[in-house]
Amino acid sequence: MLEEFLVAGVAVGSAGVVYVAAAARVVKQYERGVVLRLGRLRGGVRPPGFTMVVPGVDRLRKVNMQIVTMPVPAQDGITRDNVTVRVDAVIYFKVVDAADAVIQVEDYRFAVSQMAQTSLRSIIGKSDLDDLLSNREKLNQGLELMIDSPAMGWGVQIDRVEIKDVSLPETMKRSMARQAEADRERRARIINADAELQASKKLAEAAGVMSEQPAALQLRLLQTVVAVAAEKNSTLVLPFPVELLRFLERAQTQSGTSPETPPPSPEPASPSEPASPSTSTPAPQPGLHEEPGEPREE
């Protein structure tokens, strides 16, 4: 009789051990457990740690509560200013309600991925190319709002969405490069013209000061010669003052109009040309012919 009790006790103990082994579950710290008993949600969400379920009746589903980093595949689209672009992004989200993530949606990861792709294409169509390249923070906020609105019903919270890369056609890249080069050239010319204007004003002021003191021009000339000679050049360029040229010109003009200058002598006539009447010998008049050696009568 005692042996039968011992065998029954061992059998019950073995069955209990098997039951506990089959019903025991461990939920990790970053997970939450959702129990479905005969297909229906049973109680609340199981916290992390050791928990028990009914074997064969209950089904425990563990939901990861960590932040998930999911890349959004690159999407081809046409911007509002008719430019073809290829944009990819990355999305960060986490589950805030484990029961809704299991009950409300079949696969919350796949649902968030599809929602992110459609929202990204929508953002591309509503934006200009300049916004995609320079105003990404505003687009990221709009994209996050578009994805977060339906995701809240799935027990999912969108933490952040970032546009990662914008690919442009090669023709558009060349056009943008030419535009940037033209803009740089325009700015360089404006800066150069502004510098010339300021330099001309300063040179005009310097010329006014030098005109009051003529010796300042000579000093400036000597400074220029010293600066050129300091470079150890084999050729020395010496500026020639314009005032000296004007002085020589005035001196030459005064010497050309002097009364002591003898008049130019007449050029001899060519043998082939007849003599000019002014140089011909006057013909002797009658009654005035004088013989040689005879005195002339008054």
Foldseek 3Di string as FASTA:
>chain_A
DVVVVVVVVVVVVVVVVVQCVQFKDFAAQQKWKWKAFQNHTDDAIHHGGIDTDGPPGIDIDIFGFDKDKDKAAWDWEAECVGFIKIWIKIWIKGFQGPVLLVPVDPHLVVVLNVQLNVLVRVLRHHHDPCCVVPVQVVSFVVSLVSSQVVVVSSRMHTDTMGTDDMGGDPVVVVVVVVVVVVVVVVVVVVVVVVVVVVVVVVVVVVVVVCVVPVVVVVVVQVVVQVVVVVVVDPDGDRDDDPVVVVVVVVVVVVVVPDPVPDDDDDDDDDPVDDDDPVPDDDDDDPPPDDDPPDDDDD
